[in-house]
């Protein structure tokens, strides 16, 4: 059967708003699960976790502040629309993560389950944001830039950096928690690698 040519359909502002809110909520819930059991993820979020575990720094505040320098790259290389959407997404993730302990309670959450389920939730959220030209900043911006400009897989870039950051956590987190965090990082990266490839998605 011959391939059918499809015309990309532009997202409306309502599509983008829904994706930004839903994606940010998924990422926030995944991060909250990680924090609840003492795990961490990679990239800028991973550094924010390390600051929280080592010095008691507020996770949501550290996440927001550490992302600020990356907006320069986004503005210069990926455009104003991507930068503004990413800033909104980061602000929402920070706000949702700060609010989560007051509205979500985990009576029982096994760290291994949290590593996989939390990783998949973050992966789902990142995918929703990336497909609507947004990100949660930091390495996610770098990964999106490398995929759009040089053809590198955003998922592989994200996974590589995340695993390196998580391994660096051996200085502050127990080896078992680091291993569980690596599983979470792989879950995030594998999900993005399988579902976010150039040419895989037609929406613009």
N, C-alpha and C. Protein backbone atom coordinates (compact mmCIF):
# COMPACT_ATOMS: atom_id res chain seq x y z
N UNK A 1 0.84 -1.19 0.00
CA UNK A 1 0.00 0.00 0.00
C UNK A 1 0.88 1.25 0.00
N UNK A 2 0.57 2.17 -0.89
CA UNK A 2 1.38 3.38 -0.99
C UNK A 2 1.20 4.25 0.23
N UNK A 3 2.29 4.93 0.62
CA UNK A 3 2.23 5.81 1.77
C UNK A 3 1.35 7.01 1.46
N UNK A 4 0.58 7.45 2.44
CA UNK A 4 -0.31 8.60 2.27
C UNK A 4 0.38 9.85 2.77
N UNK A 5 0.35 10.89 1.94
CA UNK A 5 0.97 12.15 2.34
C UNK A 5 0.02 12.91 3.26
N UNK A 6 0.52 13.28 4.41
CA UNK A 6 -0.29 14.00 5.38
C UNK A 6 0.25 15.39 5.58
N UNK A 7 -0.64 16.35 5.75
CA UNK A 7 -0.25 17.73 5.96
C UNK A 7 -0.24 18.04 7.45
N UNK A 8 0.87 18.55 7.98
CA UNK A 8 0.91 18.89 9.41
C UNK A 8 -0.17 19.90 9.77
N UNK A 9 -0.77 19.72 10.93
CA UNK A 9 -1.81 20.63 11.41
C UNK A 9 -1.25 21.44 12.57
N UNK A 10 -1.36 22.76 12.46
CA UNK A 10 -0.82 23.63 13.50
C UNK A 10 -1.62 23.50 14.79
N UNK A 11 -0.92 23.56 15.92
CA UNK A 11 -1.59 23.55 17.21
C UNK A 11 -2.26 24.90 17.44
N UNK A 12 -3.43 24.87 18.03
CA UNK A 12 -4.08 26.11 18.45
C UNK A 12 -3.54 26.53 19.80
N UNK A 13 -3.88 27.75 20.21
CA UNK A 13 -3.42 28.20 21.53
C UNK A 13 -4.04 27.35 22.63
N UNK A 14 -5.25 26.82 22.37
CA UNK A 14 -5.89 25.95 23.37
C UNK A 14 -5.16 24.61 23.46
N UNK A 15 -4.72 24.09 22.31
CA UNK A 15 -3.91 22.86 22.32
C UNK A 15 -2.64 23.05 23.14
N UNK A 16 -1.96 24.17 22.88
CA UNK A 16 -0.71 24.45 23.58
C UNK A 16 -0.94 24.62 25.08
N UNK A 17 -2.00 25.33 25.45
CA UNK A 17 -2.28 25.56 26.87
C UNK A 17 -2.55 24.24 27.58
N UNK A 18 -3.34 23.38 26.95
CA UNK A 18 -3.64 22.08 27.55
C UNK A 18 -2.38 21.26 27.73
N UNK A 19 -1.52 21.24 26.69
CA UNK A 19 -0.28 20.46 26.77
C UNK A 19 0.66 20.99 27.84
N UNK A 20 0.78 22.32 27.95
CA UNK A 20 1.66 22.92 28.94
C UNK A 20 1.20 22.56 30.36
N UNK A 21 -0.10 22.65 30.60
CA UNK A 21 -0.62 22.35 31.93
C UNK A 21 -0.49 20.87 32.25
N UNK A 22 -0.95 20.02 31.30
CA UNK A 22 -0.90 18.57 31.54
C UNK A 22 0.53 18.08 31.66
N UNK A 23 1.41 18.53 30.75
CA UNK A 23 2.80 18.11 30.81
C UNK A 23 3.48 18.53 32.10
N UNK A 24 3.22 19.75 32.52
CA UNK A 24 3.82 20.24 33.77
C UNK A 24 3.32 19.46 34.97
N UNK A 25 2.03 19.10 34.96
CA UNK A 25 1.48 18.31 36.06
C UNK A 25 2.11 16.93 36.13
N UNK A 26 2.27 16.28 34.96
CA UNK A 26 2.89 14.96 34.93
C UNK A 26 4.33 15.02 35.47
N UNK A 27 5.10 16.01 34.99
CA UNK A 27 6.48 16.14 35.45
C UNK A 27 6.53 16.40 36.95
N UNK A 28 5.65 17.27 37.44
CA UNK A 28 5.62 17.60 38.86
C UNK A 28 5.29 16.39 39.71
N UNK A 29 4.32 15.59 39.27
CA UNK A 29 3.95 14.40 40.04
C UNK A 29 5.09 13.40 40.08
N UNK A 30 5.76 13.22 38.94
CA UNK A 30 6.92 12.33 38.91
C UNK A 30 8.03 12.81 39.82
N UNK A 31 8.31 14.11 39.79
CA UNK A 31 9.35 14.67 40.66
C UNK A 31 8.97 14.53 42.13
N UNK A 32 7.68 14.70 42.43
CA UNK A 32 7.21 14.56 43.81
C UNK A 32 7.38 13.13 44.30
N UNK A 33 7.11 12.16 43.44
CA UNK A 33 7.31 10.76 43.80
C UNK A 33 8.78 10.48 44.06
N UNK A 34 9.65 11.01 43.20
CA UNK A 34 11.09 10.83 43.41
C UNK A 34 11.52 11.42 44.75
N UNK A 35 11.09 12.65 45.02
CA UNK A 35 11.51 13.33 46.25
C UNK A 35 10.99 12.60 47.49
N UNK A 36 9.79 12.03 47.38
CA UNK A 36 9.18 11.35 48.54
C UNK A 36 10.01 10.16 49.01
N UNK A 37 10.62 9.44 48.06
CA UNK A 37 11.39 8.24 48.43
C UNK A 37 12.90 8.48 48.39
N UNK A 38 13.32 9.73 48.16
CA UNK A 38 14.73 10.05 48.20
C UNK A 38 15.49 9.78 46.92
N UNK A 39 14.78 9.75 45.78
CA UNK A 39 15.44 9.57 44.50
C UNK A 39 15.72 10.92 43.86
N UNK A 40 16.41 10.91 42.75
CA UNK A 40 16.64 12.13 41.99
C UNK A 40 16.70 11.77 40.52
N UNK A 41 16.57 12.78 39.70
CA UNK A 41 16.68 12.59 38.26
C UNK A 41 17.91 13.33 37.77
N UNK A 42 18.09 13.41 36.48
CA UNK A 42 19.29 14.05 35.93
C UNK A 42 19.07 15.50 35.58
N UNK A 43 20.03 16.05 34.85
CA UNK A 43 19.93 17.42 34.37
C UNK A 43 19.85 18.45 35.48
N UNK A 44 19.21 19.56 35.17
CA UNK A 44 19.06 20.65 36.14
C UNK A 44 18.22 20.19 37.33
N UNK A 45 17.18 19.41 37.07
CA UNK A 45 16.36 18.91 38.17
C UNK A 45 17.20 18.06 39.12
N UNK A 46 18.13 17.27 38.56
CA UNK A 46 19.00 16.46 39.39
C UNK A 46 19.88 17.29 40.30
N UNK A 47 20.41 18.39 39.77
CA UNK A 47 21.21 19.29 40.60
C UNK A 47 20.36 19.89 41.70
N UNK A 48 19.10 20.23 41.37
CA UNK A 48 18.19 20.77 42.38
C UNK A 48 17.94 19.75 43.49
N UNK A 49 17.78 18.48 43.11
CA UNK A 49 17.61 17.42 44.12
C UNK A 49 18.85 17.32 45.00
N UNK A 50 20.04 17.36 44.38
CA UNK A 50 21.28 17.26 45.17
C UNK A 50 21.38 18.40 46.18
N UNK A 51 21.02 19.61 45.76
CA UNK A 51 21.04 20.76 46.67
C UNK A 51 20.03 20.56 47.81
N UNK A 52 18.91 19.95 47.49
CA UNK A 52 17.90 19.69 48.51
C UNK A 52 18.41 18.67 49.52
N UNK A 53 18.98 17.57 49.03
CA UNK A 53 19.42 16.51 49.93
C UNK A 53 20.67 16.91 50.73
N UNK A 54 21.57 17.68 50.10
CA UNK A 54 22.82 18.04 50.76
C UNK A 54 22.69 19.24 51.68
N UNK A 55 21.89 20.24 51.26
CA UNK A 55 21.85 21.50 52.01
C UNK A 55 20.45 21.93 52.44
N UNK A 56 19.43 21.14 52.09
CA UNK A 56 18.07 21.50 52.49
C UNK A 56 17.46 22.62 51.68
N UNK A 57 18.03 22.91 50.51
CA UNK A 57 17.50 23.97 49.65
C UNK A 57 16.13 23.56 49.11
N UNK A 58 15.21 24.50 49.04
CA UNK A 58 13.88 24.22 48.51
C UNK A 58 13.98 23.71 47.07
N UNK A 59 13.38 22.55 46.79
CA UNK A 59 13.49 21.90 45.48
C UNK A 59 12.89 22.75 44.37
N UNK A 60 11.69 23.26 44.58
CA UNK A 60 11.03 24.01 43.52
C UNK A 60 11.76 25.31 43.22
N UNK A 61 12.27 25.99 44.24
CA UNK A 61 12.99 27.23 44.04
C UNK A 61 14.31 26.98 43.32
N UNK A 62 15.05 25.96 43.74
CA UNK A 62 16.33 25.64 43.09
C UNK A 62 16.11 25.28 41.63
N UNK A 63 15.07 24.51 41.35
CA UNK A 63 14.75 24.11 39.98
C UNK A 63 14.49 25.33 39.11
N UNK A 64 13.74 26.28 39.62
CA UNK A 64 13.41 27.49 38.85
C UNK A 64 14.64 28.33 38.59
N UNK A 65 15.45 28.57 39.63
CA UNK A 65 16.61 29.46 39.51
C UNK A 65 17.69 28.85 38.62
N UNK A 66 17.95 27.56 38.76
CA UNK A 66 19.00 26.92 37.98
C UNK A 66 18.68 26.90 36.49
N UNK A 67 17.42 26.99 36.13
CA UNK A 67 17.03 26.98 34.73
C UNK A 67 17.23 28.32 34.03
N UNK A 68 17.35 29.39 34.79
CA UNK A 68 17.39 30.73 34.20
C UNK A 68 18.48 30.90 33.14
N UNK A 69 19.73 30.44 33.35
CA UNK A 69 20.77 30.66 32.33
C UNK A 69 20.49 29.98 30.99
N UNK A 70 19.72 28.92 30.99
CA UNK A 70 19.48 28.17 29.76
C UNK A 70 18.51 28.88 28.82
N UNK A 71 17.80 29.88 29.33
CA UNK A 71 16.87 30.60 28.46
C UNK A 71 17.62 31.40 27.40
N UNK A 72 18.86 31.77 27.68
CA UNK A 72 19.66 32.48 26.66
C UNK A 72 19.85 31.60 25.43
N UNK A 73 20.23 30.32 25.65
CA UNK A 73 20.39 29.39 24.54
C UNK A 73 19.07 29.20 23.80
N UNK A 74 18.00 29.03 24.57
CA UNK A 74 16.69 28.82 23.95
C UNK A 74 16.30 30.02 23.10
N UNK A 75 16.50 31.23 23.61
CA UNK A 75 16.11 32.45 22.88
C UNK A 75 16.94 32.62 21.62
N UNK A 76 18.25 32.37 21.73
CA UNK A 76 19.14 32.56 20.58
C UNK A 76 18.96 31.49 19.52
N UNK A 77 18.77 30.25 19.92
CA UNK A 77 18.80 29.13 18.98
C UNK A 77 17.44 28.53 18.65
N UNK A 78 16.48 28.63 19.56
CA UNK A 78 15.19 27.96 19.35
C UNK A 78 14.02 28.92 19.22
N UNK A 79 14.27 30.22 19.43
CA UNK A 79 13.23 31.20 19.17
C UNK A 79 12.45 31.64 20.40
N UNK A 80 11.74 32.76 20.22
CA UNK A 80 10.99 33.36 21.32
C UNK A 80 9.84 32.48 21.78
N UNK A 81 9.12 31.86 20.84
CA UNK A 81 7.97 31.04 21.21
C UNK A 81 8.39 29.89 22.11
N UNK A 82 9.45 29.17 21.72
CA UNK A 82 9.93 28.06 22.52
C UNK A 82 10.38 28.53 23.90
N UNK A 83 11.09 29.65 23.94
CA UNK A 83 11.61 30.16 25.21
C UNK A 83 10.48 30.55 26.15
N UNK A 84 9.49 31.27 25.63
CA UNK A 84 8.37 31.72 26.48
C UNK A 84 7.58 30.53 27.00
N UNK A 85 7.29 29.57 26.11
CA UNK A 85 6.55 28.37 26.54
C UNK A 85 7.35 27.60 27.59
N UNK A 86 8.67 27.50 27.40
CA UNK A 86 9.50 26.77 28.35
C UNK A 86 9.54 27.47 29.69
N UNK A 87 9.63 28.80 29.67
CA UNK A 87 9.62 29.56 30.92
C UNK A 87 8.32 29.32 31.68
N UNK A 88 7.19 29.33 30.96
CA UNK A 88 5.89 29.06 31.59
C UNK A 88 5.85 27.65 32.17
N UNK A 89 6.37 26.68 31.39
CA UNK A 89 6.37 25.29 31.86
C UNK A 89 7.21 25.13 33.12
N UNK A 90 8.41 25.73 33.13
CA UNK A 90 9.28 25.64 34.31
C UNK A 90 8.61 26.29 35.51
N UNK A 91 7.97 27.44 35.31
CA UNK A 91 7.29 28.13 36.41
C UNK A 91 6.16 27.26 36.96
N UNK A 92 5.41 26.60 36.06
CA UNK A 92 4.31 25.75 36.51
C UNK A 92 4.83 24.51 37.23
N UNK A 93 5.89 23.89 36.69
CA UNK A 93 6.46 22.72 37.37
C UNK A 93 6.94 23.11 38.77
N UNK A 94 7.59 24.26 38.88
CA UNK A 94 8.06 24.73 40.18
C UNK A 94 6.90 24.95 41.14
N UNK A 95 5.83 25.59 40.64
CA UNK A 95 4.66 25.87 41.49
C UNK A 95 3.94 24.58 41.88
N UNK A 96 3.74 23.69 40.91
CA UNK A 96 3.04 22.43 41.19
C UNK A 96 3.84 21.56 42.15
N UNK A 97 5.17 21.54 42.00
CA UNK A 97 6.01 20.73 42.88
C UNK A 97 5.98 21.28 44.30
N UNK A 98 5.95 22.61 44.43
CA UNK A 98 5.87 23.22 45.76
C UNK A 98 4.52 22.93 46.41
N UNK A 99 3.46 22.87 45.61
CA UNK A 99 2.12 22.66 46.15
C UNK A 99 1.81 21.18 46.41
N UNK A 100 2.51 20.29 45.70
CA UNK A 100 2.18 18.86 45.75
C UNK A 100 2.13 18.27 47.16
N UNK A 101 3.12 18.56 48.04
CA UNK A 101 3.06 17.95 49.38
C UNK A 101 1.81 18.31 50.17
N UNK A 102 1.14 19.40 49.79
CA UNK A 102 -0.05 19.84 50.51
C UNK A 102 -1.33 19.19 49.96
N UNK A 103 -1.25 18.58 48.77
CA UNK A 103 -2.46 18.02 48.16
C UNK A 103 -2.30 16.55 47.78
N UNK A 104 -1.08 16.02 47.82
CA UNK A 104 -0.83 14.62 47.46
C UNK A 104 -0.08 13.95 48.60
N UNK A 105 -0.55 12.77 49.01
CA UNK A 105 0.09 12.05 50.09
C UNK A 105 0.26 10.59 49.69
N UNK A 106 1.48 10.07 49.87
CA UNK A 106 1.77 8.68 49.55
C UNK A 106 1.92 7.89 50.85
N UNK A 107 0.92 7.08 51.17
CA UNK A 107 0.99 6.25 52.39
C UNK A 107 1.98 5.11 52.19
N UNK A 108 2.05 4.57 50.98
CA UNK A 108 2.99 3.49 50.67
C UNK A 108 3.49 3.70 49.25
N UNK A 109 4.80 3.85 49.11
CA UNK A 109 5.40 4.03 47.78
C UNK A 109 6.78 3.38 47.79
N UNK A 110 6.88 2.22 47.18
CA UNK A 110 8.15 1.52 47.10
C UNK A 110 9.11 2.29 46.18
N UNK A 111 10.37 2.47 46.56
CA UNK A 111 11.32 3.24 45.74
C UNK A 111 11.50 2.67 44.34
N UNK A 112 11.46 1.34 44.19
CA UNK A 112 11.61 0.77 42.86
C UNK A 112 10.41 1.09 41.98
N UNK A 113 9.23 1.03 42.58
CA UNK A 113 8.02 1.41 41.84
C UNK A 113 8.06 2.89 41.48
N UNK A 114 8.51 3.71 42.44
CA UNK A 114 8.60 5.15 42.19
C UNK A 114 9.58 5.46 41.08
N UNK A 115 10.68 4.70 41.01
CA UNK A 115 11.68 4.98 39.98
C UNK A 115 11.13 4.75 38.58
N UNK A 116 10.35 3.68 38.41
CA UNK A 116 9.79 3.36 37.09
C UNK A 116 8.57 4.22 36.80
N UNK A 117 7.61 4.23 37.73
CA UNK A 117 6.38 4.97 37.51
C UNK A 117 6.64 6.47 37.45
N UNK A 118 7.45 6.97 38.39
CA UNK A 118 7.79 8.39 38.37
C UNK A 118 8.54 8.77 37.11
N UNK A 119 9.47 7.89 36.67
CA UNK A 119 10.21 8.16 35.44
C UNK A 119 9.30 8.22 34.23
N UNK A 120 8.33 7.29 34.16
CA UNK A 120 7.40 7.30 33.02
C UNK A 120 6.50 8.54 33.05
N UNK A 121 6.08 8.95 34.24
CA UNK A 121 5.27 10.17 34.35
C UNK A 121 6.05 11.38 33.85
N UNK A 122 7.31 11.49 34.27
CA UNK A 122 8.14 12.60 33.80
C UNK A 122 8.33 12.51 32.29
N UNK A 123 8.56 11.28 31.78
CA UNK A 123 8.71 11.10 30.34
C UNK A 123 7.47 11.52 29.57
N UNK A 124 6.28 11.12 30.05
CA UNK A 124 5.03 11.54 29.43
C UNK A 124 4.92 13.06 29.42
N UNK A 125 5.23 13.68 30.56
CA UNK A 125 5.13 15.14 30.64
C UNK A 125 6.08 15.84 29.70
N UNK A 126 7.33 15.36 29.65
CA UNK A 126 8.31 15.97 28.75
C UNK A 126 7.88 15.81 27.29
N UNK A 127 7.34 14.65 26.94
CA UNK A 127 6.90 14.43 25.57
C UNK A 127 5.78 15.40 25.19
N UNK A 128 4.82 15.58 26.09
CA UNK A 128 3.73 16.53 25.82
C UNK A 128 4.28 17.93 25.59
N UNK A 129 5.25 18.34 26.40
CA UNK A 129 5.82 19.67 26.26
C UNK A 129 6.63 19.80 24.98
N UNK A 130 7.48 18.80 24.69
CA UNK A 130 8.32 18.87 23.50
C UNK A 130 7.50 18.90 22.22
N UNK A 131 6.39 18.18 22.19
CA UNK A 131 5.57 18.16 20.98
C UNK A 131 4.79 19.45 20.80
N UNK A 132 4.80 20.30 21.78
CA UNK A 132 4.17 21.62 21.65
C UNK A 132 5.22 22.72 21.79
N UNK A 133 6.45 22.39 21.38
CA UNK A 133 7.55 23.34 21.35
C UNK A 133 7.75 24.02 22.70
N UNK A 134 7.96 23.20 23.72
CA UNK A 134 8.27 23.70 25.05
C UNK A 134 9.14 22.66 25.73
N UNK A 135 9.68 23.01 26.89
CA UNK A 135 10.51 22.09 27.65
C UNK A 135 10.48 22.51 29.11
N UNK A 136 11.18 21.74 29.94
CA UNK A 136 11.31 22.14 31.34
C UNK A 136 12.71 22.68 31.61
N UNK A 137 13.30 23.26 30.56
CA UNK A 137 14.55 23.98 30.72
C UNK A 137 15.78 23.08 30.78
N UNK A 138 16.92 23.71 31.06
CA UNK A 138 18.16 22.99 31.28
C UNK A 138 18.56 22.06 30.16
N UNK A 139 18.88 20.83 30.51
CA UNK A 139 19.32 19.83 29.55
C UNK A 139 18.23 19.55 28.52
N UNK A 140 16.97 19.67 28.93
CA UNK A 140 15.86 19.47 28.00
C UNK A 140 15.94 20.47 26.85
N UNK A 141 16.31 21.71 27.13
CA UNK A 141 16.50 22.73 26.09
C UNK A 141 17.67 22.34 25.20
N UNK A 142 18.77 21.91 25.81
CA UNK A 142 19.94 21.50 25.04
C UNK A 142 19.61 20.30 24.15
N UNK A 143 18.88 19.32 24.69
CA UNK A 143 18.52 18.14 23.91
C UNK A 143 17.63 18.50 22.73
N UNK A 144 16.67 19.39 22.96
CA UNK A 144 15.79 19.82 21.88
C UNK A 144 16.56 20.57 20.81
N UNK A 145 17.51 21.41 21.23
CA UNK A 145 18.35 22.14 20.28
C UNK A 145 19.18 21.18 19.43
N UNK A 146 19.81 20.20 20.06
CA UNK A 146 20.65 19.24 19.32
C UNK A 146 19.83 18.39 18.36
N UNK A 147 18.59 18.07 18.74
CA UNK A 147 17.75 17.29 17.83
C UNK A 147 17.30 18.12 16.64
N UNK A 148 16.86 19.35 16.90
CA UNK A 148 16.35 20.18 15.82
C UNK A 148 17.45 20.64 14.87
N UNK A 149 18.62 20.98 15.42
CA UNK A 149 19.68 21.56 14.60
C UNK A 149 20.66 20.54 14.05
N UNK A 150 20.86 19.42 14.76
CA UNK A 150 21.90 18.47 14.35
C UNK A 150 21.41 17.04 14.22
N UNK A 151 20.13 16.78 14.50
CA UNK A 151 19.58 15.45 14.29
C UNK A 151 19.84 14.44 15.38
N UNK A 152 20.44 14.87 16.49
CA UNK A 152 20.67 13.95 17.60
C UNK A 152 19.33 13.60 18.26
N UNK A 153 19.22 12.37 18.76
CA UNK A 153 18.01 11.97 19.47
C UNK A 153 17.91 12.71 20.81
N UNK A 154 16.80 13.44 21.00
CA UNK A 154 16.62 14.16 22.27
C UNK A 154 16.60 13.19 23.44
N UNK A 155 15.99 12.00 23.24
CA UNK A 155 15.93 11.03 24.32
C UNK A 155 17.30 10.52 24.72
N UNK A 156 18.18 10.25 23.73
CA UNK A 156 19.52 9.75 24.03
C UNK A 156 20.36 10.81 24.71
N UNK A 157 20.25 12.06 24.27
CA UNK A 157 20.97 13.15 24.92
C UNK A 157 20.52 13.28 26.37
N UNK A 158 19.19 13.28 26.56
CA UNK A 158 18.64 13.41 27.91
C UNK A 158 19.10 12.25 28.80
N UNK A 159 19.04 11.03 28.27
CA UNK A 159 19.41 9.86 29.06
C UNK A 159 20.89 9.89 29.45
N UNK A 160 21.75 10.26 28.50
CA UNK A 160 23.19 10.28 28.77
C UNK A 160 23.55 11.26 29.89
N UNK A 161 23.02 12.47 29.79
CA UNK A 161 23.31 13.48 30.80
C UNK A 161 22.68 13.10 32.14
N UNK A 162 21.45 12.59 32.09
CA UNK A 162 20.77 12.22 33.33
C UNK A 162 21.52 11.15 34.10
N UNK A 163 22.00 10.13 33.40
CA UNK A 163 22.73 9.05 34.07
C UNK A 163 24.01 9.58 34.71
N UNK A 164 24.71 10.50 34.02
CA UNK A 164 25.94 11.09 34.58
C UNK A 164 25.65 11.87 35.85
N UNK A 165 24.58 12.68 35.83
CA UNK A 165 24.24 13.48 37.00
C UNK A 165 23.83 12.58 38.16
N UNK A 166 23.05 11.55 37.86
CA UNK A 166 22.60 10.64 38.91
C UNK A 166 23.78 9.91 39.54
N UNK A 167 24.75 9.49 38.72
CA UNK A 167 25.93 8.81 39.27
C UNK A 167 26.73 9.73 40.18
N UNK A 168 26.73 11.03 39.85
CA UNK A 168 27.43 12.00 40.70
C UNK A 168 26.79 12.10 42.08
N UNK A 169 25.55 11.62 42.19
CA UNK A 169 24.84 11.69 43.46
C UNK A 169 25.38 10.73 44.50
N UNK A 170 26.32 9.86 44.11
CA UNK A 170 26.92 8.93 45.07
C UNK A 170 27.55 9.67 46.25
N UNK A 171 27.87 10.95 46.05
CA UNK A 171 28.47 11.74 47.12
C UNK A 171 27.49 12.06 48.22
N UNK A 172 26.18 12.06 47.90
CA UNK A 172 25.19 12.48 48.90
C UNK A 172 24.06 11.48 49.12
N UNK A 173 23.92 10.50 48.22
CA UNK A 173 22.80 9.57 48.29
C UNK A 173 23.34 8.15 48.37
N UNK A 174 22.63 7.26 49.06
CA UNK A 174 23.07 5.87 49.20
C UNK A 174 23.15 5.18 47.84
N UNK A 175 24.05 4.19 47.69
CA UNK A 175 24.18 3.47 46.41
C UNK A 175 22.86 2.87 45.92
N UNK A 176 22.05 2.35 46.84
CA UNK A 176 20.76 1.76 46.43
C UNK A 176 19.85 2.83 45.82
N UNK A 177 19.81 4.01 46.44
CA UNK A 177 18.97 5.08 45.91
C UNK A 177 19.53 5.57 44.58
N UNK A 178 20.84 5.58 44.43
CA UNK A 178 21.44 5.98 43.15
C UNK A 178 21.05 5.00 42.06
N UNK A 179 21.11 3.70 42.36
CA UNK A 179 20.72 2.68 41.38
C UNK A 179 19.25 2.85 41.00
N UNK A 180 18.41 3.09 41.99
CA UNK A 180 17.00 3.31 41.70
C UNK A 180 16.80 4.58 40.87
N UNK A 181 17.61 5.59 41.13
CA UNK A 181 17.53 6.83 40.36
C UNK A 181 17.98 6.62 38.92
N UNK A 182 18.99 5.76 38.73
CA UNK A 182 19.43 5.43 37.37
C UNK A 182 18.30 4.74 36.60
N UNK A 183 17.60 3.85 37.29
CA UNK A 183 16.45 3.19 36.66
C UNK A 183 15.42 4.24 36.23
N UNK A 184 15.17 5.22 37.08
CA UNK A 184 14.24 6.28 36.74
C UNK A 184 14.72 7.10 35.56
N UNK A 185 16.02 7.42 35.52
CA UNK A 185 16.58 8.19 34.41
C UNK A 185 16.47 7.42 33.10
N UNK A 186 16.71 6.11 33.16
CA UNK A 186 16.59 5.27 31.96
C UNK A 186 15.14 5.21 31.50
N UNK A 187 14.21 5.15 32.45
CA UNK A 187 12.78 5.12 32.09
C UNK A 187 12.39 6.40 31.35
N UNK A 188 12.88 7.54 31.83
CA UNK A 188 12.59 8.81 31.17
C UNK A 188 13.20 8.84 29.78
N UNK A 189 14.50 8.55 29.70
CA UNK A 189 15.20 8.63 28.43
C UNK A 189 14.70 7.64 27.40
N UNK A 190 14.40 6.40 27.84
CA UNK A 190 13.91 5.38 26.92
C UNK A 190 12.56 5.77 26.36
N UNK A 191 11.70 6.32 27.21
CA UNK A 191 10.38 6.74 26.74
C UNK A 191 10.49 7.82 25.68
N UNK A 192 11.37 8.81 25.92
CA UNK A 192 11.55 9.88 24.95
C UNK A 192 12.20 9.37 23.67
N UNK A 193 13.17 8.47 23.81
CA UNK A 193 13.85 7.93 22.63
C UNK A 193 12.87 7.20 21.71
N UNK A 194 11.96 6.45 22.30
CA UNK A 194 11.00 5.68 21.51
C UNK A 194 9.89 6.54 20.92
N UNK A 195 9.56 7.63 21.58
CA UNK A 195 8.37 8.39 21.18
C UNK A 195 8.63 9.78 20.64
N UNK A 196 9.86 10.28 20.74
CA UNK A 196 10.13 11.63 20.25
C UNK A 196 11.30 11.58 19.28
N UNK A 197 10.98 11.32 18.01
CA UNK A 197 11.99 11.24 16.96
C UNK A 197 11.62 12.20 15.83
N UNK A 198 12.62 12.72 15.11
CA UNK A 198 12.33 13.57 13.96
C UNK A 198 11.47 12.82 12.96
N UNK A 199 10.38 13.45 12.51
CA UNK A 199 9.51 12.84 11.53
C UNK A 199 8.45 11.93 12.10
N UNK A 200 8.50 11.65 13.41
CA UNK A 200 7.54 10.74 14.03
C UNK A 200 6.20 11.45 14.27
N UNK A 201 6.24 12.78 14.40
CA UNK A 201 5.04 13.52 14.79
C UNK A 201 4.79 14.65 13.81
N UNK A 202 3.54 14.83 13.35
CA UNK A 202 3.25 15.81 12.30
C UNK A 202 2.76 17.15 12.84
N UNK A 203 2.27 17.20 14.06
CA UNK A 203 1.74 18.46 14.59
C UNK A 203 2.81 19.54 14.65
N UNK A 204 2.41 20.79 14.38
CA UNK A 204 3.38 21.89 14.41
C UNK A 204 2.85 23.01 15.27
